[in-house]
Amino acid sequence: MLRIAHSVSYALAVASAGLLHADARGENPAFPGADPHVAVFGDTYWAYPTHAQNPDAQFHSFDFVAYSSKDLQEWKPSEPILKMDDIAWIKDDGAPEHWLWAPGIIEKDGKYYFYFSVGPQTPSPSRIGVAVGDRPEGPFKDSGKPLITGGDGFEAIDPMVFRDKDGTAYLYAGGSAGAKLRVWKLKPNYIELDEEIPVDTPPEFTEGAFMHEIDGTYYLSYSHGGWNNPNYSVHYATSKSPTGPWDYKGAILNSDDTHKGPGHHSFFQNPTTGEWFISYHYWPSTKNEPPLTGQRQCNVQKVTFTPDGRIERVDPSAASPEPSPIDEIK
């Protein structure tokens, strides 16, 4: 998902978030930005989006910030968790301008591993980095080198790490102009690749792959369409393995009259109640043709499944889920 970076201050992000939530408890959008990865750590939901703060320009990116919530009703912004200036290798490609987007996170043995996309995508190839922290809110320290560099038609973007029940960690990435899915096993340190696993690219795949598993069924979901086009949407396929083969199931999230181009999502579960949720970004707009412009926002909504395990269609909504606190781990 191509973006052009602009300098935006942290103060503006906090101010925008504060205005958004001043009288909006229990309502969507939950927090500003795009490409949200929501994860549960302890008794707290943590959201990691790409930011897009200025409604007067089309593209923005800036240092990463996290949002936290105890009940899915109110989301509080953190201090910056990873600053672009602290990524020592970011200028090694010689490009005049860079930006960050599409983060993903996973915890292992009390450490938090934060993966992120680095642009530009052209003329120099996009890259994926990883940083490590001691807390969900960071700060995160960059590993010192890119984990993946794009090339030969492959766009190294949109990282997502999934840990299977046997402890194997898989990194999913790719999309955009290349529209190709690639998967690697990670080494136990989570900052190096082990081996690439050959996989098929599922039907209608563009970018933003996400993996979750329920009762032995692996759900690979992803975005389809143009990122600033009303045709942007979420599709999914299932498998009995985290690496396919994929059984395509169709679209589950599309534009409506006022929520355009919903996508680049994540699924997450309340471990206390077993409820599942989705977070995704959209453009608040009534426009039916590209390019969509302005400031994207992120919704959080409950997800339900049919008796045979299919994901029910998600209709964009201004109502957030009912309060869903997580029991504190003793």
C-alpha atoms as a PDB file:
ATOM      1  CA  MET A   1       0.000   0.000   0.000  1.00  0.00           C
ATOM      2  CA  LEU A   2       1.922   3.027  -1.280  1.00  0.00           C
ATOM      3  CA  ARG A   3       2.183   6.108   0.890  1.00  0.00           C
ATOM      4  CA  ILE A   4       4.157   9.346   0.648  1.00  0.00           C
ATOM      5  CA  ALA A   5       5.611  10.499   3.950  1.00  0.00           C
ATOM      6  CA  HIS A   6       5.057  13.915   5.476  1.00  0.00           C
ATOM      7  CA  SER A   7       6.336  15.245   8.788  1.00  0.00           C
ATOM      8  CA  VAL A   8       3.567  15.157  11.382  1.00  0.00           C
ATOM      9  CA  SER A   9       4.122  15.904  15.068  1.00  0.00           C
ATOM     10  CA  TYR A  10       3.244  13.581  17.924  1.00  0.00           C
ATOM     11  CA  ALA A  11       1.358  16.436  19.565  1.00  0.00           C
ATOM     12  CA  LEU A  12      -1.007  16.540  16.595  1.00  0.00           C
ATOM     13  CA  ALA A  13      -1.646  12.804  16.865  1.00  0.00           C
ATOM     14  CA  VAL A  14      -2.559  13.038  20.549  1.00  0.00           C
ATOM     15  CA  ALA A  15      -4.721  16.080  19.925  1.00  0.00           C
ATOM     16  CA  SER A  16      -6.566  14.346  17.113  1.00  0.00           C
ATOM     17  CA  ALA A  17      -7.074  11.214  19.190  1.00  0.00           C
ATOM     18  CA  GLY A  18      -8.315  13.285  22.106  1.00  0.00           C
ATOM     19  CA  LEU A  19     -10.835  15.123  19.959  1.00  0.00           C
ATOM     20  CA  LEU A  20     -11.975  11.852  18.440  1.00  0.00           C
ATOM     21  CA  HIS A  21     -12.784  10.320  21.838  1.00  0.00           C
ATOM     22  CA  ALA A  22     -13.965  13.354  23.786  1.00  0.00           C
ATOM     23  CA  ASP A  23     -17.642  12.289  23.589  1.00  0.00           C
ATOM     24  CA  ALA A  24     -17.375   9.029  21.645  1.00  0.00           C
ATOM     25  CA  ARG A  25     -17.085   6.307  24.259  1.00  0.00           C
ATOM     26  CA  GLY A  26     -18.676   3.174  22.866  1.00  0.00           C
ATOM     27  CA  GLU A  27     -18.677   4.432  19.279  1.00  0.00           C
ATOM     28  CA  ASN A  28     -16.701   3.830  16.112  1.00  0.00           C
ATOM     29  CA  PRO A  29     -14.253   4.917  14.824  1.00  0.00           C
ATOM     30  CA  ALA A  30     -12.181   3.587  17.702  1.00  0.00           C
ATOM     31  CA  PHE A  31      -8.926   5.393  16.850  1.00  0.00           C
ATOM     32  CA  PRO A  32      -7.397   7.229  13.865  1.00  0.00           C
ATOM     33  CA  GLY A  33      -5.104   5.756  11.264  1.00  0.00           C
ATOM     34  CA  ALA A  34      -4.946   2.729   8.992  1.00  0.00           C
ATOM     35  CA  ASP A  35      -3.729  -0.880   8.795  1.00  0.00           C
ATOM     36  CA  PRO A  36      -4.551  -1.670  12.443  1.00  0.00           C
ATOM     37  CA  HIS A  37      -3.063  -4.753  14.101  1.00  0.00           C
ATOM     38  CA  VAL A  38      -4.949  -5.344  17.362  1.00  0.00           C
ATOM     39  CA  ALA A  39      -3.519  -7.881  19.810  1.00  0.00           C
ATOM     40  CA  VAL A  40      -4.273  -8.951  23.385  1.00  0.00           C
ATOM     41  CA  PHE A  41      -1.490  -8.794  25.951  1.00  0.00           C
ATOM     42  CA  GLY A  42      -2.458  -9.593  29.546  1.00  0.00           C
ATOM     43  CA  ASP A  43      -5.768  -7.901  30.346  1.00  0.00           C
ATOM     44  CA  THR A  44      -5.420  -5.188  27.696  1.00  0.00           C
ATOM     45  CA  TYR A  45      -6.190  -4.769  24.011  1.00  0.00           C
ATOM     46  CA  TRP A  46      -3.379  -3.072  22.108  1.00  0.00           C
ATOM     47  CA  ALA A  47      -3.795  -1.485  18.665  1.00  0.00           C
ATOM     48  CA  TYR A  48      -0.909  -0.643  16.333  1.00  0.00           C
ATOM     49  CA  PRO A  49      -1.979   1.426  13.302  1.00  0.00           C
ATOM     50  CA  THR A  50      -0.348   3.430  10.561  1.00  0.00           C
ATOM     51  CA  HIS A  51      -1.149   7.062  11.189  1.00  0.00           C
ATOM     52  CA  ALA A  52      -2.858   9.491   8.826  1.00  0.00           C
ATOM     53  CA  GLN A  53      -3.525  12.681  10.685  1.00  0.00           C
ATOM     54  CA  ASN A  54      -3.960  15.640   8.332  1.00  0.00           C
ATOM     55  CA  PRO A  55      -7.319  15.642   6.512  1.00  0.00           C
ATOM     56  CA  ASP A  56      -6.086  18.258   4.011  1.00  0.00           C
ATOM     57  CA  ALA A  57      -3.563  15.993   2.270  1.00  0.00           C
ATOM     58  CA  GLN A  58      -3.781  12.533   0.753  1.00  0.00           C
ATOM     59  CA  PHE A  59      -0.829  10.615   2.219  1.00  0.00           C
ATOM     60  CA  HIS A  60       0.816  10.707   5.634  1.00  0.00           C
ATOM     61  CA  SER A  61       3.025   8.560   7.777  1.00  0.00           C
ATOM     62  CA  PHE A  62       4.924   9.098  10.958  1.00  0.00           C
ATOM     63  CA  ASP A  63       6.497   7.506  14.007  1.00  0.00           C
ATOM     64  CA  PHE A  64       4.478   4.570  15.323  1.00  0.00           C
ATOM     65  CA  VAL A  65       2.107   5.005  18.293  1.00  0.00           C
ATOM     66  CA  ALA A  66       0.060   2.337  20.096  1.00  0.00           C
ATOM     67  CA  TYR A  67      -3.483   2.588  21.488  1.00  0.00           C
ATOM     68  CA  SER A  68      -4.695   0.594  24.492  1.00  0.00           C
ATOM     69  CA  SER A  69      -8.112  -0.328  25.817  1.00  0.00           C
ATOM     70  CA  LYS A  70      -9.398  -2.394  28.727  1.00  0.00           C
ATOM     71  CA  ASP A  71     -12.872  -2.981  27.305  1.00  0.00           C
ATOM     72  CA  LEU A  72     -12.988  -1.969  23.586  1.00  0.00           C
ATOM     73  CA  GLN A  73     -14.814   1.217  24.556  1.00  0.00           C
ATOM     74  CA  GLU A  74     -12.103   3.791  25.115  1.00  0.00           C
ATOM     75  CA  TRP A  75      -8.686   3.805  23.420  1.00  0.00           C
ATOM     76  CA  LYS A  76      -5.742   5.752  24.823  1.00  0.00           C
ATOM     77  CA  PRO A  77      -2.687   6.739  22.723  1.00  0.00           C
ATOM     78  CA  SER A  78       0.829   5.979  23.917  1.00  0.00           C
ATOM     79  CA  GLU A  79       4.013   7.930  23.500  1.00  0.00           C
ATOM     80  CA  PRO A  80       5.841   7.092  20.235  1.00  0.00           C
ATOM     81  CA  ILE A  81       6.913   3.429  20.330  1.00  0.00           C
ATOM     82  CA  LEU A  82       9.284   3.456  17.331  1.00  0.00           C
ATOM     83  CA  LYS A  83      10.664   6.563  15.618  1.00  0.00           C
ATOM     84  CA  MET A  84      11.809   6.599  12.034  1.00  0.00           C
ATOM     85  CA  ASP A  85      14.956   8.472  13.071  1.00  0.00           C
ATOM     86  CA  ASP A  86      15.962   5.502  15.259  1.00  0.00           C
ATOM     87  CA  ILE A  87      16.106   3.043  12.338  1.00  0.00           C
ATOM     88  CA  ALA A  88      19.794   3.282  11.429  1.00  0.00           C
ATOM     89  CA  TRP A  89      19.552   1.447   8.091  1.00  0.00           C
ATOM     90  CA  ILE A  90      16.550   3.284   6.710  1.00  0.00           C
ATOM     91  CA  LYS A  91      18.602   5.563   4.391  1.00  0.00           C
ATOM     92  CA  ASP A  92      20.924   2.822   3.124  1.00  0.00           C
ATOM     93  CA  ASP A  93      18.891   2.509  -0.086  1.00  0.00           C
ATOM     94  CA  GLY A  94      19.774   6.090  -1.068  1.00  0.00           C
ATOM     95  CA  ALA A  95      16.157   7.152  -1.543  1.00  0.00           C
ATOM     96  CA  PRO A  96      15.469  10.819  -0.746  1.00  0.00           C
ATOM     97  CA  GLU A  97      12.358  10.122   1.343  1.00  0.00           C
ATOM     98  CA  HIS A  98      11.086   7.276   3.517  1.00  0.00           C
ATOM     99  CA  TRP A  99       7.986   6.329   5.452  1.00  0.00           C
ATOM    100  CA  LEU A 100       6.683   3.590   7.749  1.00  0.00           C
ATOM    101  CA  TRP A 101       3.405   1.723   7.671  1.00  0.00           C
ATOM    102  CA  ALA A 102       1.490  -1.529   8.230  1.00  0.00           C
ATOM    103  CA  PRO A 103       2.910  -2.808  11.551  1.00  0.00           C
ATOM    104  CA  GLY A 104       2.428  -6.214  13.165  1.00  0.00           C
ATOM    105  CA  ILE A 105       3.365  -7.500  16.606  1.00  0.00           C
ATOM    106  CA  ILE A 106       3.825 -10.771  18.527  1.00  0.00           C
ATOM    107  CA  GLU A 107       5.056 -11.675  22.018  1.00  0.00           C
ATOM    108  CA  LYS A 108       7.519 -14.415  22.922  1.00  0.00           C
ATOM    109  CA  ASP A 109       9.028 -15.137  26.356  1.00  0.00           C
ATOM    110  CA  GLY A 110       8.259 -11.660  27.655  1.00  0.00           C
ATOM    111  CA  LYS A 111       9.689  -9.859  24.625  1.00  0.00           C
ATOM    112  CA  TYR A 112       7.592  -8.051  22.020  1.00  0.00           C
ATOM    113  CA  TYR A 113       8.571  -8.219  18.351  1.00  0.00           C
ATOM    114  CA  PHE A 114       7.326  -5.363  16.202  1.00  0.00           C
ATOM    115  CA  TYR A 115       7.408  -5.748  12.405  1.00  0.00           C
ATOM    116  CA  PHE A 116       6.898  -2.858   9.996  1.00  0.00           C
ATOM    117  CA  SER A 117       7.006  -1.819   6.336  1.00  0.00           C
ATOM    118  CA  VAL A 118       9.493   0.773   5.070  1.00  0.00           C
ATOM    119  CA  GLY A 119       8.967   2.757   1.853  1.00  0.00           C
ATOM    120  CA  PRO A 120       9.480   3.925  -0.778  1.00  0.00           C
ATOM    121  CA  GLN A 121       8.394   1.083  -3.011  1.00  0.00           C
ATOM    122  CA  THR A 122       9.886   2.717  -6.097  1.00  0.00           C
ATOM    123  CA  PRO A 123      12.482   3.390  -7.363  1.00  0.00           C
ATOM    124  CA  SER A 124      14.156   1.619  -4.428  1.00  0.00           C
ATOM    125  CA  PRO A 125      12.411  -1.549  -3.193  1.00  0.00           C
ATOM    126  CA  SER A 126      10.309  -1.644  -0.062  1.00  0.00           C
ATOM    127  CA  ARG A 127      11.715  -3.367   3.022  1.00  0.00           C
ATOM    128  CA  ILE A 128      10.444  -5.000   6.205  1.00  0.00           C
ATOM    129  CA  GLY A 129      12.105  -4.345   9.543  1.00  0.00           C
ATOM    130  CA  VAL A 130      11.706  -5.720  13.059  1.00  0.00           C
ATOM    131  CA  ALA A 131      12.222  -4.048  16.421  1.00  0.00           C
ATOM    132  CA  VAL A 132      12.149  -5.534  19.940  1.00  0.00           C
ATOM    133  CA  GLY A 133      10.710  -4.182  23.187  1.00  0.00           C
ATOM    134  CA  ASP A 134      10.099  -5.231  26.775  1.00  0.00           C
ATOM    135  CA  ARG A 135       6.516  -3.940  26.915  1.00  0.00           C
ATOM    136  CA  PRO A 136       3.562  -3.684  24.517  1.00  0.00           C
ATOM    137  CA  GLU A 137       3.877   0.108  24.633  1.00  0.00           C
ATOM    138  CA  GLY A 138       7.573  -0.025  23.847  1.00  0.00           C
ATOM    139  CA  PRO A 139       9.872   1.635  23.316  1.00  0.00           C
ATOM    140  CA  PHE A 140      11.071  -0.726  20.584  1.00  0.00           C
ATOM    141  CA  LYS A 141      14.690  -0.991  19.479  1.00  0.00           C
ATOM    142  CA  ASP A 142      15.369  -1.772  15.849  1.00  0.00           C
ATOM    143  CA  SER A 143      17.237  -5.032  15.154  1.00  0.00           C
ATOM    144  CA  GLY A 144      19.867  -3.241  13.072  1.00  0.00           C
ATOM    145  CA  LYS A 145      19.078  -4.458   9.550  1.00  0.00           C
ATOM    146  CA  PRO A 146      16.149  -5.182   7.223  1.00  0.00           C
ATOM    147  CA  LEU A 147      14.506  -8.543   7.664  1.00  0.00           C
ATOM    148  CA  ILE A 148      13.240  -8.685   4.052  1.00  0.00           C
ATOM    149  CA  THR A 149      14.015  -6.531   1.008  1.00  0.00           C
ATOM    150  CA  GLY A 150      11.732  -6.526  -2.012  1.00  0.00           C
ATOM    151  CA  GLY A 151      12.749  -7.010  -5.618  1.00  0.00           C
ATOM    152  CA  ASP A 152      12.051  -8.960  -8.814  1.00  0.00           C
ATOM    153  CA  GLY A 153       8.419  -7.894  -8.742  1.00  0.00           C
ATOM    154  CA  PHE A 154       7.897  -8.725  -5.065  1.00  0.00           C
ATOM    155  CA  GLU A 155       6.750  -5.916  -2.755  1.00  0.00           C
ATOM    156  CA  ALA A 156       8.127  -6.505   0.770  1.00  0.00           C
ATOM    157  CA  ILE A 157       5.194  -4.992   2.646  1.00  0.00           C
ATOM    158  CA  ASP A 158       2.511  -5.743   5.234  1.00  0.00           C
ATOM    159  CA  PRO A 159       4.276  -8.181   7.615  1.00  0.00           C
ATOM    160  CA  MET A 160       2.205 -10.422   9.878  1.00  0.00           C
ATOM    161  CA  VAL A 161       3.586 -13.108  12.220  1.00  0.00           C
ATOM    162  CA  PHE A 162       1.516 -16.097  13.324  1.00  0.00           C
ATOM    163  CA  ARG A 163       2.686 -18.715  15.853  1.00  0.00           C
ATOM    164  CA  ASP A 164       1.208 -22.159  15.345  1.00  0.00           C
ATOM    165  CA  LYS A 165       0.316 -24.562  18.159  1.00  0.00           C
ATOM    166  CA  ASP A 166       3.640 -26.404  17.767  1.00  0.00           C
ATOM    167  CA  GLY A 167       5.525 -23.147  18.399  1.00  0.00           C
ATOM    168  CA  THR A 168       6.571 -22.538  14.785  1.00  0.00           C
ATOM    169  CA  ALA A 169       6.382 -18.850  13.857  1.00  0.00           C
ATOM    170  CA  TYR A 170       5.453 -17.923  10.276  1.00  0.00           C
ATOM    171  CA  LEU A 171       5.891 -14.506   8.694  1.00  0.00           C
ATOM    172  CA  TYR A 172       3.412 -13.550   5.960  1.00  0.00           C
ATOM    173  CA  ALA A 173       4.167 -10.624   3.648  1.00  0.00           C
ATOM    174  CA  GLY A 174       3.682  -9.192   0.188  1.00  0.00           C
ATOM    175  CA  GLY A 175       1.181  -7.567  -2.082  1.00  0.00           C
ATOM    176  CA  SER A 176       0.583  -4.189  -3.680  1.00  0.00           C
ATOM    177  CA  ALA A 177       1.957  -3.963  -7.231  1.00  0.00           C
ATOM    178  CA  GLY A 178       3.335  -7.495  -6.964  1.00  0.00           C
ATOM    179  CA  ALA A 179       0.157  -8.934  -5.411  1.00  0.00           C
ATOM    180  CA  LYS A 180       2.115 -12.022  -4.369  1.00  0.00           C
ATOM    181  CA  LEU A 181       1.923 -13.769  -0.998  1.00  0.00           C
ATOM    182  CA  ARG A 182       5.130 -15.174   0.495  1.00  0.00           C
ATOM    183  CA  VAL A 183       5.633 -17.033   3.778  1.00  0.00           C
ATOM    184  CA  TRP A 184       8.769 -17.736   5.812  1.00  0.00           C
ATOM    185  CA  LYS A 185       9.505 -19.604   9.009  1.00  0.00           C
ATOM    186  CA  LEU A 186      11.266 -17.433  11.567  1.00  0.00           C
ATOM    187  CA  LYS A 187      14.303 -18.493  13.552  1.00  0.00           C
ATOM    188  CA  PRO A 188      13.733 -18.796  17.340  1.00  0.00           C
ATOM    189  CA  ASN A 189      15.125 -15.293  17.880  1.00  0.00           C
ATOM    190  CA  TYR A 190      12.238 -13.861  15.757  1.00  0.00           C
ATOM    191  CA  ILE A 191      14.565 -11.332  14.087  1.00  0.00           C
ATOM    192  CA  GLU A 192      15.942 -13.644  11.383  1.00  0.00           C
ATOM    193  CA  LEU A 193      14.366 -15.752   8.659  1.00  0.00           C
ATOM    194  CA  ASP A 194      14.766 -19.531   8.789  1.00  0.00           C
ATOM    195  CA  GLU A 195      13.421 -20.779   5.458  1.00  0.00           C
ATOM    196  CA  GLU A 196      10.825 -19.752   2.916  1.00  0.00           C
ATOM    197  CA  ILE A 197       7.777 -22.007   2.567  1.00  0.00           C
ATOM    198  CA  PRO A 198       6.403 -22.162  -1.002  1.00  0.00           C
ATOM    199  CA  VAL A 199       2.722 -21.165  -0.971  1.00  0.00           C
ATOM    200  CA  ASP A 200       0.058 -20.375  -3.528  1.00  0.00           C
ATOM    201  CA  THR A 201      -1.288 -16.842  -3.692  1.00  0.00           C
ATOM    202  CA  PRO A 202      -5.021 -17.141  -2.929  1.00  0.00           C
ATOM    203  CA  PRO A 203      -7.745 -15.765  -5.222  1.00  0.00           C
ATOM    204  CA  GLU A 204      -8.409 -12.003  -5.050  1.00  0.00           C
ATOM    205  CA  PHE A 205      -5.261 -11.366  -2.989  1.00  0.00           C
ATOM    206  CA  THR A 206      -3.799  -7.866  -3.095  1.00  0.00           C
ATOM    207  CA  GLU A 207      -2.096  -7.275   0.282  1.00  0.00           C
ATOM    208  CA  GLY A 208      -2.531  -7.182   4.068  1.00  0.00           C
ATOM    209  CA  ALA A 209      -2.457 -10.913   4.856  1.00  0.00           C
ATOM    210  CA  PHE A 210      -3.616 -12.000   8.327  1.00  0.00           C
ATOM    211  CA  MET A 211      -3.706 -15.511   9.808  1.00  0.00           C
ATOM    212  CA  HIS A 212      -5.686 -16.879  12.732  1.00  0.00           C
ATOM    213  CA  GLU A 213      -6.720 -20.406  13.720  1.00  0.00           C
ATOM    214  CA  ILE A 214      -9.849 -21.864  15.336  1.00  0.00           C
ATOM    215  CA  ASP A 215     -10.230 -25.569  16.167  1.00  0.00           C
ATOM    216  CA  GLY A 216      -7.785 -26.714  13.507  1.00  0.00           C
ATOM    217  CA  THR A 217      -9.079 -24.427  10.743  1.00  0.00           C
ATOM    218  CA  TYR A 218      -6.611 -21.796   9.550  1.00  0.00           C
ATOM    219  CA  TYR A 219      -8.158 -18.558   8.316  1.00  0.00           C
ATOM    220  CA  LEU A 220      -6.042 -16.578   5.854  1.00  0.00           C
ATOM    221  CA  SER A 221      -7.698 -13.194   5.331  1.00  0.00           C
ATOM    222  CA  TYR A 222      -6.440 -10.335   3.210  1.00  0.00           C
ATOM    223  CA  SER A 223      -7.294  -7.135   1.347  1.00  0.00           C
ATOM    224  CA  HIS A 224      -8.393  -6.989  -2.277  1.00  0.00           C
ATOM    225  CA  GLY A 225      -8.548  -4.001  -4.606  1.00  0.00           C
ATOM    226  CA  GLY A 226      -6.933  -0.572  -4.657  1.00  0.00           C
ATOM    227  CA  TRP A 227      -6.038   0.893  -1.258  1.00  0.00           C
ATOM    228  CA  ASN A 228      -7.591   4.302  -2.131  1.00  0.00           C
ATOM    229  CA  ASN A 229     -10.441   2.834  -4.147  1.00  0.00           C
ATOM    230  CA  PRO A 230     -13.974   1.998  -2.928  1.00  0.00           C
ATOM    231  CA  ASN A 231     -13.385  -1.550  -4.229  1.00  0.00           C
ATOM    232  CA  TYR A 232     -10.895  -2.189  -1.384  1.00  0.00           C
ATOM    233  CA  SER A 233     -12.365  -5.046   0.655  1.00  0.00           C
ATOM    234  CA  VAL A 234     -11.564  -8.036   2.888  1.00  0.00           C
ATOM    235  CA  HIS A 235     -11.640 -11.614   1.565  1.00  0.00           C
ATOM    236  CA  TYR A 236     -10.602 -14.901   3.133  1.00  0.00           C
ATOM    237  CA  ALA A 237      -9.674 -18.525   2.492  1.00  0.00           C
ATOM    238  CA  THR A 238      -9.282 -21.470   4.838  1.00  0.00           C
ATOM    239  CA  SER A 239      -6.918 -24.408   5.144  1.00  0.00           C
ATOM    240  CA  LYS A 240      -5.949 -27.243   7.463  1.00  0.00           C
ATOM    241  CA  SER A 241      -2.423 -25.831   7.482  1.00  0.00           C
ATOM    242  CA  PRO A 242      -0.971 -22.340   8.070  1.00  0.00           C
ATOM    243  CA  THR A 243       0.621 -22.552   4.611  1.00  0.00           C
ATOM    244  CA  GLY A 244      -2.313 -23.807   2.547  1.00  0.00           C
ATOM    245  CA  PRO A 245      -3.584 -25.076   0.189  1.00  0.00           C
ATOM    246  CA  TRP A 246      -6.313 -22.421   0.324  1.00  0.00           C
ATOM    247  CA  ASP A 247     -10.058 -22.936  -0.004  1.00  0.00           C
ATOM    248  CA  TYR A 248     -11.349 -19.527  -1.097  1.00  0.00           C
ATOM    249  CA  LYS A 249     -14.496 -18.425   0.750  1.00  0.00           C
ATOM    250  CA  GLY A 250     -15.185 -14.943  -0.643  1.00  0.00           C
ATOM    251  CA  ALA A 251     -15.545 -11.384   0.613  1.00  0.00           C
ATOM    252  CA  ILE A 252     -16.682 -10.546   4.145  1.00  0.00           C
ATOM    253  CA  LEU A 253     -16.242  -6.747   4.284  1.00  0.00           C
ATOM    254  CA  ASN A 254     -17.101  -4.225   1.559  1.00  0.00           C
ATOM    255  CA  SER A 255     -17.822  -0.529   1.188  1.00  0.00           C
ATOM    256  CA  ASP A 256     -21.212   0.875   2.128  1.00  0.00           C
ATOM    257  CA  ASP A 257     -22.676   4.374   1.645  1.00  0.00           C
ATOM    258  CA  THR A 258     -20.365   6.129   4.116  1.00  0.00           C
ATOM    259  CA  HIS A 259     -17.524   3.654   4.861  1.00  0.00           C
ATOM    260  CA  LYS A 260     -15.410   3.379   1.708  1.00  0.00           C
ATOM    261  CA  GLY A 261     -12.556   0.991   1.014  1.00  0.00           C
ATOM    262  CA  PRO A 262     -12.639  -0.969   4.296  1.00  0.00           C
ATOM    263  CA  GLY A 263      -9.642  -3.236   4.699  1.00  0.00           C
ATOM    264  CA  HIS A 264      -6.145  -3.992   5.993  1.00  0.00           C
ATOM    265  CA  HIS A 265      -7.614  -5.581   9.066  1.00  0.00           C
ATOM    266  CA  SER A 266      -6.747  -7.876  11.954  1.00  0.00           C
ATOM    267  CA  PHE A 267      -8.747 -10.475  13.902  1.00  0.00           C
ATOM    268  CA  PHE A 268      -8.397 -10.860  17.664  1.00  0.00           C
ATOM    269  CA  GLN A 269     -10.094 -12.746  20.504  1.00  0.00           C
ATOM    270  CA  ASN A 270     -11.113 -11.982  24.066  1.00  0.00           C
ATOM    271  CA  PRO A 271      -9.490 -14.942  25.876  1.00  0.00           C
ATOM    272  CA  THR A 272     -11.980 -14.653  28.744  1.00  0.00           C
ATOM    273  CA  THR A 273     -15.232 -14.760  26.767  1.00  0.00           C
ATOM    274  CA  GLY A 274     -14.042 -16.407  23.554  1.00  0.00           C
ATOM    275  CA  GLU A 275     -15.549 -13.580  21.481  1.00  0.00           C
ATOM    276  CA  TRP A 276     -13.858 -12.693  18.192  1.00  0.00           C
ATOM    277  CA  PHE A 277     -13.453  -9.186  16.790  1.00  0.00           C
ATOM    278  CA  ILE A 278     -12.126  -7.464  13.694  1.00  0.00           C
ATOM    279  CA  SER A 279     -10.406  -4.112  13.375  1.00  0.00           C
ATOM    280  CA  TYR A 280     -10.046  -2.441   9.982  1.00  0.00           C
ATOM    281  CA  HIS A 281      -9.591   0.988   8.446  1.00  0.00           C
ATOM    282  CA  TYR A 282     -11.932   2.839   6.109  1.00  0.00           C
ATOM    283  CA  TRP A 283     -12.345   6.230   4.431  1.00  0.00           C
ATOM    284  CA  PRO A 284     -15.262   8.316   5.813  1.00  0.00           C
ATOM    285  CA  SER A 285     -16.653   9.255   2.400  1.00  0.00           C
ATOM    286  CA  THR A 286     -19.606   8.943   0.047  1.00  0.00           C
ATOM    287  CA  LYS A 287     -17.378   8.961  -3.040  1.00  0.00           C
ATOM    288  CA  ASN A 288     -17.702   5.941  -5.304  1.00  0.00           C
ATOM    289  CA  GLU A 289     -14.587   6.324  -7.429  1.00  0.00           C
ATOM    290  CA  PRO A 290     -10.863   6.658  -6.717  1.00  0.00           C
ATOM    291  CA  PRO A 291      -8.857   8.301  -5.412  1.00  0.00           C
ATOM    292  CA  LEU A 292     -10.303   8.397  -1.926  1.00  0.00           C
ATOM    293  CA  THR A 293      -8.632  11.154   0.086  1.00  0.00           C
ATOM    294  CA  GLY A 294      -8.564  12.561   3.607  1.00  0.00           C
ATOM    295  CA  GLN A 295      -8.049  10.897   6.955  1.00  0.00           C
ATOM    296  CA  ARG A 296      -8.748   7.213   7.430  1.00  0.00           C
ATOM    297  CA  GLN A 297     -10.218   5.844  10.649  1.00  0.00           C
ATOM    298  CA  CYS A 298     -10.234   2.437  12.340  1.00  0.00           C
ATOM    299  CA  ASN A 299     -13.320   0.521  13.447  1.00  0.00           C
ATOM    300  CA  VAL A 300     -13.581  -2.362  15.898  1.00  0.00           C
ATOM    301  CA  GLN A 301     -16.532  -4.754  15.494  1.00  0.00           C
ATOM    302  CA  LYS A 302     -17.617  -8.163  16.718  1.00  0.00           C
ATOM    303  CA  VAL A 303     -17.258 -11.153  14.394  1.00  0.00           C
ATOM    304  CA  THR A 304     -19.559 -14.168  14.316  1.00  0.00           C
ATOM    305  CA  PHE A 305     -19.237 -17.553  12.620  1.00  0.00           C
ATOM    306  CA  THR A 306     -21.739 -19.921  11.036  1.00  0.00           C
ATOM    307  CA  PRO A 307     -22.083 -23.437  12.500  1.00  0.00           C
ATOM    308  CA  ASP A 308     -19.795 -24.758   9.747  1.00  0.00           C
ATOM    309  CA  GLY A 309     -17.072 -22.251  10.579  1.00  0.00           C
ATOM    310  CA  ARG A 310     -17.617 -19.614   7.924  1.00  0.00           C
ATOM    311  CA  ILE A 311     -17.043 -15.973   8.877  1.00  0.00           C
ATOM    312  CA  GLU A 312     -20.294 -14.024   8.772  1.00  0.00           C
ATOM    313  CA  ARG A 313     -20.293 -10.872   6.647  1.00  0.00           C
ATOM    314  CA  VAL A 314     -19.242  -7.750   8.541  1.00  0.00           C
ATOM    315  CA  ASP A 315     -21.285  -4.610   7.874  1.00  0.00           C
ATOM    316  CA  PRO A 316     -19.423  -1.377   8.703  1.00  0.00           C
ATOM    317  CA  SER A 317     -20.968   0.204  11.776  1.00  0.00           C
ATOM    318  CA  ALA A 318     -20.680   3.364  13.851  1.00  0.00           C
ATOM    319  CA  ALA A 319     -21.421   1.299  16.961  1.00  0.00           C
ATOM    320  CA  SER A 320     -18.511  -0.341  18.723  1.00  0.00           C
ATOM    321  CA  PRO A 321     -18.923  -3.765  20.366  1.00  0.00           C
ATOM    322  CA  GLU A 322     -20.464  -4.092  23.801  1.00  0.00           C
ATOM    323  CA  PRO A 323     -17.884  -3.728  26.593  1.00  0.00           C
ATOM    324  CA  SER A 324     -15.666  -6.807  26.611  1.00  0.00           C
ATOM    325  CA  PRO A 325     -13.132  -6.663  29.478  1.00  0.00           C
ATOM    326  CA  ILE A 326     -10.489  -9.358  29.860  1.00  0.00           C
ATOM    327  CA  ASP A 327      -9.945 -11.093  33.198  1.00  0.00           C
ATOM    328  CA  GLU A 328      -6.620 -10.143  34.709  1.00  0.00           C
ATOM    329  CA  ILE A 329      -4.124 -13.001  34.623  1.00  0.00           C
ATOM    330  CA  LYS A 330      -3.168 -13.835  38.218  1.00  0.00           C
END
